Amino acid sequence: MFVRSLAIGVSAAALMVGGAQAADLIIPTTPEPIYAPAGFDWEGLYVGARLGGQFTGTNAYAGSTASTTYGVIGAAVGVNFIPMDPVLLGVEVTGDYNWNNTATSTSEFFANLRAGAIVTDNALIYALGGVGFQNNGTATESVYQLGGGVEFAVNDVVTVRGEIVGQGDFSSVGADSFFESTKATVGVFYHF
């Protein structure tokens, strides 16, 4: 009987030691989360406001007074697409009010196409071209613009932009150069 009790005791001890060693082999495998900060998402709808100046040359530009500087306040709404990285294509509509204390104030509306490149996650350079019309309160004239700009992301939804465009009208009255006016603006934009 003693031998039998001894055999059972040794077997029980061996099972307990083996079970304890097997428990030590279990290693938790919960993966650590990987955080990779994403860059700014340039795609989608945006809206913004802008301020600047318009500088009219010696040739008459639409309804503006020649050799005059105007203040500019306006708004823009548009949408961007990224067909392939880093190319950005967009459509934008702008409306500006141009004022001067001594000259006739005007308003301008443009439909623009944008093509650009995303330089870094938070920086964009682009070219812009558009057609529209200018109204000085008594007459409306067709106009165009070509130019470009640079835009920087401030946070996940806000960007700031600097833009310069050369402008002209479709009129052939008098001496008519391709660019009769230059407009420079800075703006703040909210991206949805």
N, C-alpha and C. Protein backbone atom coordinates (compact mmCIF):
# COMPACT_ATOMS: atom_id res chain seq x y z
N MET A 1 0.80 -1.17 0.00
CA MET A 1 0.00 0.00 0.00
C MET A 1 0.86 1.25 0.00
N PHE A 2 1.98 1.18 0.72
CA PHE A 2 2.88 2.32 0.76
C PHE A 2 3.41 2.63 -0.63
N VAL A 3 3.74 1.63 -1.39
CA VAL A 3 4.30 1.83 -2.73
C VAL A 3 3.23 2.46 -3.63
N ARG A 4 2.04 1.99 -3.46
CA ARG A 4 0.95 2.53 -4.27
C ARG A 4 0.72 4.01 -3.93
N SER A 5 0.70 4.40 -2.68
CA SER A 5 0.52 5.79 -2.26
C SER A 5 1.68 6.64 -2.74
N LEU A 6 2.88 6.07 -2.70
CA LEU A 6 4.06 6.79 -3.15
C LEU A 6 3.98 7.03 -4.66
N ALA A 7 3.55 6.06 -5.42
CA ALA A 7 3.43 6.20 -6.87
C ALA A 7 2.38 7.26 -7.22
N ILE A 8 1.29 7.27 -6.52
CA ILE A 8 0.24 8.27 -6.78
C ILE A 8 0.75 9.66 -6.42
N GLY A 9 1.46 9.79 -5.33
CA GLY A 9 2.01 11.09 -4.91
C GLY A 9 3.03 11.63 -5.91
N VAL A 10 3.91 10.73 -6.39
CA VAL A 10 4.93 11.15 -7.37
C VAL A 10 4.25 11.55 -8.67
N SER A 11 3.25 10.80 -9.12
CA SER A 11 2.52 11.12 -10.34
C SER A 11 1.81 12.47 -10.21
N ALA A 12 1.19 12.70 -9.08
CA ALA A 12 0.48 13.97 -8.86
C ALA A 12 1.47 15.14 -8.87
N ALA A 13 2.62 14.96 -8.26
CA ALA A 13 3.63 16.02 -8.23
C ALA A 13 4.15 16.30 -9.63
N ALA A 14 4.36 15.25 -10.42
CA ALA A 14 4.85 15.42 -11.79
C ALA A 14 3.82 16.17 -12.64
N LEU A 15 2.55 15.85 -12.48
CA LEU A 15 1.50 16.55 -13.23
C LEU A 15 1.41 18.02 -12.83
N MET A 16 1.56 18.31 -11.56
CA MET A 16 1.49 19.70 -11.12
C MET A 16 2.67 20.51 -11.65
N VAL A 17 3.85 19.93 -11.62
CA VAL A 17 5.02 20.63 -12.13
C VAL A 17 4.89 20.84 -13.63
N GLY A 18 4.45 19.84 -14.37
CA GLY A 18 4.26 19.97 -15.82
C GLY A 18 3.21 21.00 -16.15
N GLY A 19 2.13 21.05 -15.40
CA GLY A 19 1.07 22.05 -15.62
C GLY A 19 1.57 23.45 -15.33
N ALA A 20 2.37 23.59 -14.30
CA ALA A 20 2.90 24.91 -13.97
C ALA A 20 3.86 25.40 -15.06
N GLN A 21 4.65 24.50 -15.61
CA GLN A 21 5.56 24.89 -16.69
C GLN A 21 4.78 25.23 -17.96
N ALA A 22 3.72 24.51 -18.23
CA ALA A 22 2.91 24.79 -19.42
C ALA A 22 2.25 26.17 -19.29
N ALA A 23 1.85 26.57 -18.09
CA ALA A 23 1.24 27.88 -17.90
C ALA A 23 2.24 28.99 -18.17
N ASP A 24 3.52 28.74 -17.88
CA ASP A 24 4.56 29.74 -18.14
C ASP A 24 4.80 29.94 -19.63
N LEU A 25 4.40 29.01 -20.48
CA LEU A 25 4.62 29.13 -21.92
C LEU A 25 3.59 30.01 -22.62
N ILE A 26 2.50 30.36 -21.94
CA ILE A 26 1.48 31.20 -22.56
C ILE A 26 1.98 32.65 -22.54
N ILE A 27 2.12 33.24 -23.74
CA ILE A 27 2.63 34.60 -23.88
C ILE A 27 1.50 35.46 -24.44
N PRO A 28 1.18 36.57 -23.79
CA PRO A 28 0.13 37.43 -24.32
C PRO A 28 0.55 37.97 -25.69
N THR A 29 -0.37 37.96 -26.64
CA THR A 29 -0.05 38.39 -28.01
C THR A 29 -0.92 39.56 -28.46
N THR A 30 -1.33 40.41 -27.57
CA THR A 30 -2.11 41.59 -27.96
C THR A 30 -1.18 42.55 -28.68
N PRO A 31 -1.49 42.88 -29.93
CA PRO A 31 -0.58 43.75 -30.68
C PRO A 31 -0.64 45.19 -30.17
N GLU A 32 0.48 45.86 -30.23
CA GLU A 32 0.55 47.26 -29.88
C GLU A 32 -0.07 48.08 -31.01
N PRO A 33 -0.88 49.07 -30.70
CA PRO A 33 -1.45 49.89 -31.77
C PRO A 33 -0.35 50.71 -32.45
N ILE A 34 -0.46 50.84 -33.76
CA ILE A 34 0.50 51.61 -34.54
C ILE A 34 -0.14 52.94 -34.89
N TYR A 35 0.50 54.03 -34.53
CA TYR A 35 -0.03 55.35 -34.83
C TYR A 35 0.87 56.00 -35.87
N ALA A 36 0.29 56.25 -37.03
CA ALA A 36 1.01 56.96 -38.09
C ALA A 36 0.21 58.21 -38.42
N PRO A 37 0.74 59.38 -38.08
CA PRO A 37 -0.03 60.59 -38.37
C PRO A 37 -0.23 60.76 -39.87
N ALA A 38 -1.46 61.03 -40.25
CA ALA A 38 -1.78 61.21 -41.67
C ALA A 38 -1.56 62.67 -42.06
N GLY A 39 -1.26 62.90 -43.33
CA GLY A 39 -1.12 64.25 -43.84
C GLY A 39 -2.48 64.86 -44.08
N PHE A 40 -2.49 66.10 -44.50
CA PHE A 40 -3.73 66.82 -44.76
C PHE A 40 -4.46 66.19 -45.94
N ASP A 41 -5.77 66.08 -45.84
CA ASP A 41 -6.59 65.52 -46.93
C ASP A 41 -7.05 66.67 -47.83
N TRP A 42 -6.40 66.82 -48.97
CA TRP A 42 -6.68 67.92 -49.89
C TRP A 42 -7.95 67.69 -50.71
N GLU A 43 -8.45 66.46 -50.76
CA GLU A 43 -9.63 66.17 -51.58
C GLU A 43 -10.90 66.67 -50.92
N GLY A 44 -11.87 67.04 -51.76
CA GLY A 44 -13.18 67.37 -51.25
C GLY A 44 -13.53 68.84 -51.38
N LEU A 45 -14.66 69.19 -50.78
CA LEU A 45 -15.25 70.52 -50.86
C LEU A 45 -14.57 71.47 -49.88
N TYR A 46 -14.43 72.74 -50.28
CA TYR A 46 -13.88 73.76 -49.39
C TYR A 46 -14.56 75.10 -49.66
N VAL A 47 -14.49 75.99 -48.67
CA VAL A 47 -15.04 77.34 -48.79
C VAL A 47 -14.11 78.27 -48.02
N GLY A 48 -14.00 79.52 -48.49
CA GLY A 48 -13.10 80.43 -47.79
C GLY A 48 -13.32 81.88 -48.13
N ALA A 49 -12.59 82.74 -47.42
CA ALA A 49 -12.64 84.19 -47.62
C ALA A 49 -11.23 84.67 -47.92
N ARG A 50 -11.14 85.79 -48.67
CA ARG A 50 -9.83 86.31 -49.04
C ARG A 50 -9.82 87.83 -49.10
N LEU A 51 -8.62 88.39 -48.93
CA LEU A 51 -8.36 89.83 -48.98
C LEU A 51 -7.15 90.07 -49.86
N GLY A 52 -7.08 91.25 -50.46
CA GLY A 52 -5.91 91.55 -51.26
C GLY A 52 -6.02 92.87 -51.98
N GLY A 53 -5.32 92.94 -53.10
CA GLY A 53 -5.30 94.15 -53.91
C GLY A 53 -5.33 93.82 -55.39
N GLN A 54 -5.89 94.74 -56.16
CA GLN A 54 -5.90 94.62 -57.62
C GLN A 54 -5.21 95.86 -58.18
N PHE A 55 -4.26 95.64 -59.07
CA PHE A 55 -3.44 96.71 -59.61
C PHE A 55 -3.69 96.78 -61.11
N THR A 56 -4.39 97.82 -61.55
CA THR A 56 -4.74 97.98 -62.96
C THR A 56 -3.65 98.78 -63.65
N GLY A 57 -3.25 98.30 -64.83
CA GLY A 57 -2.18 98.94 -65.60
C GLY A 57 -2.67 100.16 -66.36
N THR A 58 -1.84 100.61 -67.30
CA THR A 58 -2.17 101.81 -68.07
C THR A 58 -3.24 101.53 -69.12
N ASN A 59 -3.43 100.28 -69.51
CA ASN A 59 -4.51 99.94 -70.44
C ASN A 59 -5.80 99.71 -69.65
N ALA A 60 -6.91 100.07 -70.23
CA ALA A 60 -8.20 99.90 -69.56
C ALA A 60 -8.48 98.41 -69.39
N TYR A 61 -8.90 98.03 -68.18
CA TYR A 61 -9.29 96.65 -67.89
C TYR A 61 -10.76 96.64 -67.52
N ALA A 62 -11.58 96.09 -68.38
CA ALA A 62 -13.03 95.95 -68.15
C ALA A 62 -13.60 97.27 -67.63
N GLY A 63 -14.29 97.24 -66.50
CA GLY A 63 -14.89 98.46 -65.96
C GLY A 63 -14.02 99.18 -64.96
N SER A 64 -12.77 98.74 -64.78
CA SER A 64 -11.87 99.37 -63.82
C SER A 64 -11.22 100.60 -64.42
N THR A 65 -10.80 101.51 -63.55
CA THR A 65 -10.09 102.71 -63.97
C THR A 65 -8.62 102.36 -64.18
N ALA A 66 -8.03 102.84 -65.29
CA ALA A 66 -6.63 102.55 -65.60
C ALA A 66 -5.71 103.18 -64.55
N SER A 67 -4.56 102.56 -64.34
CA SER A 67 -3.52 103.04 -63.40
C SER A 67 -4.08 103.28 -62.01
N THR A 68 -4.86 102.32 -61.50
CA THR A 68 -5.50 102.45 -60.19
C THR A 68 -5.30 101.18 -59.39
N THR A 69 -5.17 101.36 -58.08
CA THR A 69 -5.08 100.23 -57.16
C THR A 69 -6.40 100.10 -56.41
N TYR A 70 -6.90 98.87 -56.35
CA TYR A 70 -8.16 98.59 -55.66
C TYR A 70 -7.91 97.66 -54.49
N GLY A 71 -8.70 97.80 -53.44
CA GLY A 71 -8.74 96.80 -52.39
C GLY A 71 -9.68 95.69 -52.82
N VAL A 72 -9.40 94.47 -52.38
CA VAL A 72 -10.20 93.31 -52.78
C VAL A 72 -10.66 92.56 -51.54
N ILE A 73 -11.94 92.25 -51.48
CA ILE A 73 -12.48 91.34 -50.47
C ILE A 73 -13.38 90.37 -51.21
N GLY A 74 -13.26 89.08 -50.89
CA GLY A 74 -14.04 88.12 -51.65
C GLY A 74 -14.18 86.78 -50.96
N ALA A 75 -14.78 85.86 -51.70
CA ALA A 75 -15.02 84.50 -51.20
C ALA A 75 -14.79 83.51 -52.33
N ALA A 76 -14.55 82.29 -51.96
CA ALA A 76 -14.33 81.22 -52.95
C ALA A 76 -14.93 79.93 -52.42
N VAL A 77 -15.44 79.12 -53.33
CA VAL A 77 -15.92 77.78 -53.00
C VAL A 77 -15.44 76.86 -54.11
N GLY A 78 -15.00 75.67 -53.74
CA GLY A 78 -14.48 74.77 -54.75
C GLY A 78 -14.44 73.34 -54.28
N VAL A 79 -13.95 72.49 -55.17
CA VAL A 79 -13.78 71.07 -54.86
C VAL A 79 -12.50 70.59 -55.52
N ASN A 80 -11.75 69.76 -54.79
CA ASN A 80 -10.48 69.20 -55.27
C ASN A 80 -10.60 67.70 -55.48
N PHE A 81 -9.84 67.19 -56.45
CA PHE A 81 -9.73 65.76 -56.72
C PHE A 81 -8.26 65.41 -56.84
N ILE A 82 -7.89 64.22 -56.40
CA ILE A 82 -6.52 63.74 -56.56
C ILE A 82 -6.59 62.48 -57.42
N PRO A 83 -6.42 62.60 -58.75
CA PRO A 83 -6.52 61.43 -59.62
C PRO A 83 -5.36 60.46 -59.41
N MET A 84 -4.18 60.98 -59.07
CA MET A 84 -3.02 60.17 -58.73
C MET A 84 -2.08 61.04 -57.90
N ASP A 85 -1.39 60.41 -56.99
CA ASP A 85 -0.49 61.14 -56.12
C ASP A 85 0.71 61.62 -56.92
N PRO A 86 1.13 62.84 -56.85
CA PRO A 86 0.75 63.99 -56.04
C PRO A 86 -0.08 65.01 -56.81
N VAL A 87 -0.73 64.63 -57.90
CA VAL A 87 -1.45 65.57 -58.76
C VAL A 87 -2.82 65.91 -58.17
N LEU A 88 -3.13 67.21 -58.15
CA LEU A 88 -4.42 67.69 -57.67
C LEU A 88 -5.10 68.46 -58.80
N LEU A 89 -6.37 68.18 -59.02
CA LEU A 89 -7.20 68.92 -59.98
C LEU A 89 -8.39 69.48 -59.22
N GLY A 90 -8.83 70.68 -59.61
CA GLY A 90 -9.94 71.28 -58.89
C GLY A 90 -10.74 72.24 -59.74
N VAL A 91 -11.94 72.52 -59.26
CA VAL A 91 -12.85 73.49 -59.86
C VAL A 91 -13.21 74.46 -58.74
N GLU A 92 -13.19 75.76 -59.06
CA GLU A 92 -13.43 76.77 -58.05
C GLU A 92 -14.22 77.93 -58.62
N VAL A 93 -15.11 78.50 -57.82
CA VAL A 93 -15.86 79.70 -58.18
C VAL A 93 -15.49 80.79 -57.18
N THR A 94 -15.14 81.98 -57.69
CA THR A 94 -14.76 83.09 -56.82
C THR A 94 -15.64 84.31 -57.10
N GLY A 95 -15.86 85.09 -56.09
CA GLY A 95 -16.56 86.37 -56.20
C GLY A 95 -15.81 87.40 -55.38
N ASP A 96 -15.46 88.52 -56.00
CA ASP A 96 -14.69 89.57 -55.32
C ASP A 96 -15.35 90.92 -55.50
N TYR A 97 -15.23 91.74 -54.47
CA TYR A 97 -15.64 93.14 -54.54
C TYR A 97 -14.36 93.97 -54.51
N ASN A 98 -14.17 94.82 -55.53
CA ASN A 98 -12.97 95.65 -55.65
C ASN A 98 -13.37 97.09 -55.40
N TRP A 99 -12.74 97.75 -54.43
CA TRP A 99 -13.13 99.11 -54.10
C TRP A 99 -11.93 100.06 -54.12
N ASN A 100 -12.24 101.33 -54.37
CA ASN A 100 -11.26 102.41 -54.35
C ASN A 100 -12.03 103.67 -53.99
N ASN A 101 -11.45 104.54 -53.16
CA ASN A 101 -12.16 105.74 -52.70
C ASN A 101 -12.41 106.76 -53.80
N THR A 102 -11.58 106.76 -54.83
CA THR A 102 -11.72 107.78 -55.87
C THR A 102 -12.17 107.22 -57.21
N ALA A 103 -12.16 105.91 -57.38
CA ALA A 103 -12.54 105.29 -58.65
C ALA A 103 -13.81 104.47 -58.47
N THR A 104 -14.38 104.03 -59.60
CA THR A 104 -15.59 103.23 -59.57
C THR A 104 -15.30 101.84 -59.01
N SER A 105 -16.08 101.41 -58.02
CA SER A 105 -15.93 100.07 -57.46
C SER A 105 -16.50 99.04 -58.44
N THR A 106 -15.96 97.84 -58.42
CA THR A 106 -16.41 96.79 -59.33
C THR A 106 -16.59 95.49 -58.56
N SER A 107 -17.30 94.56 -59.18
CA SER A 107 -17.39 93.21 -58.64
C SER A 107 -17.00 92.25 -59.76
N GLU A 108 -16.31 91.16 -59.38
CA GLU A 108 -15.84 90.16 -60.35
C GLU A 108 -16.25 88.77 -59.90
N PHE A 109 -16.63 87.96 -60.87
CA PHE A 109 -17.00 86.57 -60.61
C PHE A 109 -16.27 85.70 -61.63
N PHE A 110 -15.60 84.63 -61.15
CA PHE A 110 -14.83 83.75 -62.02
C PHE A 110 -15.18 82.29 -61.76
N ALA A 111 -15.17 81.50 -62.82
CA ALA A 111 -15.18 80.04 -62.74
C ALA A 111 -13.77 79.60 -63.13
N ASN A 112 -13.08 78.91 -62.23
CA ASN A 112 -11.67 78.59 -62.41
C ASN A 112 -11.43 77.09 -62.43
N LEU A 113 -10.38 76.69 -63.12
CA LEU A 113 -9.83 75.34 -63.05
C LEU A 113 -8.47 75.43 -62.38
N ARG A 114 -8.21 74.49 -61.46
CA ARG A 114 -6.91 74.46 -60.78
C ARG A 114 -6.21 73.14 -61.08
N ALA A 115 -4.91 73.21 -61.26
CA ALA A 115 -4.07 72.02 -61.39
C ALA A 115 -2.84 72.25 -60.53
N GLY A 116 -2.54 71.30 -59.66
CA GLY A 116 -1.42 71.51 -58.75
C GLY A 116 -0.71 70.24 -58.38
N ALA A 117 0.26 70.41 -57.51
CA ALA A 117 1.04 69.28 -56.99
C ALA A 117 1.15 69.42 -55.48
N ILE A 118 0.94 68.30 -54.79
CA ILE A 118 1.09 68.27 -53.34
C ILE A 118 2.57 68.07 -53.06
N VAL A 119 3.23 69.13 -52.60
CA VAL A 119 4.68 69.11 -52.40
C VAL A 119 5.05 68.32 -51.15
N THR A 120 4.37 68.60 -50.05
CA THR A 120 4.49 67.81 -48.82
C THR A 120 3.07 67.50 -48.37
N ASP A 121 2.93 66.77 -47.28
CA ASP A 121 1.58 66.45 -46.79
C ASP A 121 0.76 67.71 -46.53
N ASN A 122 1.42 68.81 -46.18
CA ASN A 122 0.71 70.02 -45.78
C ASN A 122 0.94 71.21 -46.70
N ALA A 123 1.52 71.02 -47.88
CA ALA A 123 1.78 72.13 -48.80
C ALA A 123 1.37 71.77 -50.22
N LEU A 124 0.77 72.74 -50.89
CA LEU A 124 0.28 72.56 -52.25
C LEU A 124 0.70 73.77 -53.08
N ILE A 125 1.18 73.52 -54.30
CA ILE A 125 1.39 74.60 -55.27
C ILE A 125 0.45 74.32 -56.44
N TYR A 126 -0.04 75.40 -57.08
CA TYR A 126 -1.03 75.18 -58.13
C TYR A 126 -0.99 76.30 -59.16
N ALA A 127 -1.51 75.98 -60.34
CA ALA A 127 -1.76 76.96 -61.40
C ALA A 127 -3.27 77.09 -61.52
N LEU A 128 -3.72 78.26 -61.96
CA LEU A 128 -5.15 78.54 -62.00
C LEU A 128 -5.47 79.31 -63.28
N GLY A 129 -6.59 78.99 -63.88
CA GLY A 129 -7.08 79.73 -65.04
C GLY A 129 -8.59 79.77 -65.00
N GLY A 130 -9.16 80.90 -65.40
CA GLY A 130 -10.61 80.99 -65.36
C GLY A 130 -11.17 82.10 -66.22
N VAL A 131 -12.47 82.04 -66.43
CA VAL A 131 -13.21 83.07 -67.16
C VAL A 131 -14.37 83.52 -66.30
N GLY A 132 -14.81 84.75 -66.55
CA GLY A 132 -15.92 85.27 -65.77
C GLY A 132 -16.38 86.61 -66.30
N PHE A 133 -16.90 87.43 -65.40
CA PHE A 133 -17.36 88.76 -65.79
C PHE A 133 -17.11 89.75 -64.68
N GLN A 134 -16.98 91.01 -65.08
CA GLN A 134 -16.81 92.12 -64.13
C GLN A 134 -17.95 93.10 -64.35
N ASN A 135 -18.48 93.64 -63.26
CA ASN A 135 -19.56 94.61 -63.32
C ASN A 135 -19.16 95.84 -62.53
N ASN A 136 -19.32 97.02 -63.14
CA ASN A 136 -18.99 98.27 -62.44
C ASN A 136 -20.24 99.06 -62.06
N GLY A 137 -21.38 98.43 -62.09
CA GLY A 137 -22.63 99.09 -61.73
C GLY A 137 -23.42 99.58 -62.93
N THR A 138 -22.74 99.84 -64.04
CA THR A 138 -23.43 100.29 -65.24
C THR A 138 -23.23 99.36 -66.42
N ALA A 139 -22.13 98.61 -66.42
CA ALA A 139 -21.84 97.72 -67.55
C ALA A 139 -21.19 96.44 -67.04
N THR A 140 -21.37 95.38 -67.82
CA THR A 140 -20.77 94.08 -67.51
C THR A 140 -19.88 93.69 -68.68
N GLU A 141 -18.66 93.19 -68.35
CA GLU A 141 -17.73 92.82 -69.40
C GLU A 141 -17.10 91.46 -69.08
N SER A 142 -16.88 90.65 -70.12
CA SER A 142 -16.26 89.34 -69.95
C SER A 142 -14.76 89.49 -69.69
N VAL A 143 -14.25 88.70 -68.75
CA VAL A 143 -12.85 88.79 -68.35
C VAL A 143 -12.27 87.38 -68.18
N TYR A 144 -10.93 87.31 -68.09
CA TYR A 144 -10.24 86.04 -67.86
C TYR A 144 -9.09 86.28 -66.89
N GLN A 145 -8.56 85.20 -66.33
CA GLN A 145 -7.41 85.30 -65.44
C GLN A 145 -6.57 84.03 -65.52
N LEU A 146 -5.26 84.21 -65.36
CA LEU A 146 -4.28 83.11 -65.31
C LEU A 146 -3.29 83.43 -64.20
N GLY A 147 -2.93 82.42 -63.43
CA GLY A 147 -1.97 82.67 -62.36
C GLY A 147 -1.68 81.41 -61.57
N GLY A 148 -1.33 81.59 -60.33
CA GLY A 148 -1.01 80.46 -59.48
C GLY A 148 -0.90 80.87 -58.03
N GLY A 149 -0.60 79.88 -57.20
CA GLY A 149 -0.50 80.17 -55.78
C GLY A 149 0.09 79.02 -55.01
N VAL A 150 0.14 79.21 -53.72
CA VAL A 150 0.63 78.21 -52.79
C VAL A 150 -0.34 78.17 -51.61
N GLU A 151 -0.57 76.97 -51.09
CA GLU A 151 -1.54 76.79 -50.00
C GLU A 151 -0.92 75.87 -48.95
N PHE A 152 -1.10 76.22 -47.68
CA PHE A 152 -0.55 75.46 -46.56
C PHE A 152 -1.65 75.06 -45.60
N ALA A 153 -1.60 73.82 -45.10
CA ALA A 153 -2.55 73.34 -44.10
C ALA A 153 -2.10 73.82 -42.72
N VAL A 154 -3.04 74.42 -41.98
CA VAL A 154 -2.77 74.89 -40.63
C VAL A 154 -3.09 73.80 -39.62
N ASN A 155 -4.22 73.11 -39.85
CA ASN A 155 -4.61 71.96 -39.03
C ASN A 155 -5.35 70.97 -39.93
N ASP A 156 -6.20 70.14 -39.37
CA ASP A 156 -6.88 69.10 -40.15
C ASP A 156 -7.93 69.63 -41.12
N VAL A 157 -8.42 70.85 -40.94
CA VAL A 157 -9.50 71.36 -41.80
C VAL A 157 -9.27 72.77 -42.32
N VAL A 158 -8.26 73.48 -41.86
CA VAL A 158 -8.04 74.88 -42.25
C VAL A 158 -6.74 75.03 -43.04
N THR A 159 -6.82 75.79 -44.14
CA THR A 159 -5.62 76.12 -44.93
C THR A 159 -5.54 77.63 -45.11
N VAL A 160 -4.32 78.11 -45.38
CA VAL A 160 -4.10 79.49 -45.77
C VAL A 160 -3.48 79.48 -47.15
N ARG A 161 -3.83 80.50 -47.95
CA ARG A 161 -3.42 80.51 -49.35
C ARG A 161 -2.95 81.89 -49.75
N GLY A 162 -1.92 81.93 -50.58
CA GLY A 162 -1.48 83.14 -51.26
C GLY A 162 -1.58 82.91 -52.75
N GLU A 163 -2.14 83.88 -53.47
CA GLU A 163 -2.40 83.69 -54.90
C GLU A 163 -2.15 84.98 -55.66
N ILE A 164 -1.62 84.87 -56.88
CA ILE A 164 -1.45 86.02 -57.75
C ILE A 164 -1.89 85.63 -59.16
N VAL A 165 -2.69 86.49 -59.78
CA VAL A 165 -3.20 86.21 -61.13
C VAL A 165 -3.07 87.46 -61.99
N GLY A 166 -2.83 87.22 -63.27
CA GLY A 166 -2.90 88.28 -64.26
C GLY A 166 -4.28 88.23 -64.89
N GLN A 167 -4.86 89.41 -65.15
CA GLN A 167 -6.23 89.46 -65.65
C GLN A 167 -6.30 90.29 -66.94
N GLY A 168 -7.26 89.96 -67.75
CA GLY A 168 -7.50 90.71 -68.98
C GLY A 168 -8.96 90.62 -69.37
N ASP A 169 -9.35 91.47 -70.34
CA ASP A 169 -10.72 91.41 -70.83
C ASP A 169 -10.71 90.99 -72.29
N PHE A 170 -11.87 90.65 -72.79
CA PHE A 170 -11.99 90.20 -74.18
C PHE A 170 -12.26 91.35 -75.14
N SER A 171 -12.17 92.58 -74.65
CA SER A 171 -12.41 93.76 -75.48
C SER A 171 -11.17 94.08 -76.31
N SER A 172 -11.37 94.60 -77.51
CA SER A 172 -10.25 95.01 -78.36
C SER A 172 -10.24 96.52 -78.54
N VAL A 173 -10.86 97.23 -77.60
CA VAL A 173 -10.90 98.69 -77.66
C VAL A 173 -9.57 99.25 -77.19
N GLY A 174 -8.97 100.15 -77.95
CA GLY A 174 -7.72 100.81 -77.57
C GLY A 174 -6.56 99.83 -77.55
N ALA A 175 -5.46 100.28 -76.93
CA ALA A 175 -4.28 99.41 -76.78
C ALA A 175 -4.64 98.30 -75.79
N ASP A 176 -4.56 97.07 -76.25
CA ASP A 176 -5.04 95.95 -75.43
C ASP A 176 -3.91 94.94 -75.26
N SER A 177 -3.36 94.85 -74.05
CA SER A 177 -2.35 93.84 -73.77
C SER A 177 -3.02 92.60 -73.18
N PHE A 178 -2.28 91.49 -73.14
CA PHE A 178 -2.86 90.23 -72.66
C PHE A 178 -3.28 90.35 -71.19
N PHE A 179 -2.37 90.85 -70.35
CA PHE A 179 -2.70 91.10 -68.95
C PHE A 179 -2.80 92.61 -68.74
N GLU A 180 -3.98 93.06 -68.33
CA GLU A 180 -4.22 94.48 -68.09
C GLU A 180 -4.31 94.81 -66.60
N SER A 181 -4.37 93.76 -65.79
CA SER A 181 -4.52 93.93 -64.35
C SER A 181 -3.87 92.76 -63.64
N THR A 182 -3.45 92.99 -62.41
CA THR A 182 -2.88 91.94 -61.56
C THR A 182 -3.62 91.96 -60.23
N LYS A 183 -3.99 90.77 -59.76
CA LYS A 183 -4.68 90.66 -58.47
C LYS A 183 -3.88 89.72 -57.57
N ALA A 184 -3.59 90.19 -56.36
CA ALA A 184 -2.89 89.38 -55.35
C ALA A 184 -3.80 89.26 -54.13
N THR A 185 -3.99 88.04 -53.65
CA THR A 185 -4.87 87.82 -52.50
C THR A 185 -4.25 86.81 -51.54
N VAL A 186 -4.67 86.90 -50.29
CA VAL A 186 -4.39 85.88 -49.28
C VAL A 186 -5.73 85.47 -48.70
N GLY A 187 -5.87 84.19 -48.35
CA GLY A 187 -7.15 83.73 -47.87
C GLY A 187 -7.05 82.62 -46.85
N VAL A 188 -8.15 82.39 -46.17
CA VAL A 188 -8.29 81.30 -45.20
C VAL A 188 -9.45 80.43 -45.68
N PHE A 189 -9.23 79.11 -45.69
CA PHE A 189 -10.21 78.18 -46.25
C PHE A 189 -10.50 77.05 -45.28
N TYR A 190 -11.77 76.65 -45.26
CA TYR A 190 -12.23 75.52 -44.45
C TYR A 190 -12.55 74.36 -45.38
N HIS A 191 -11.97 73.19 -45.11
CA HIS A 191 -12.17 71.99 -45.94
C HIS A 191 -13.10 71.02 -45.22
N PHE A 192 -14.12 70.57 -45.92
CA PHE A 192 -15.11 69.65 -45.35
C PHE A 192 -14.66 68.20 -45.51
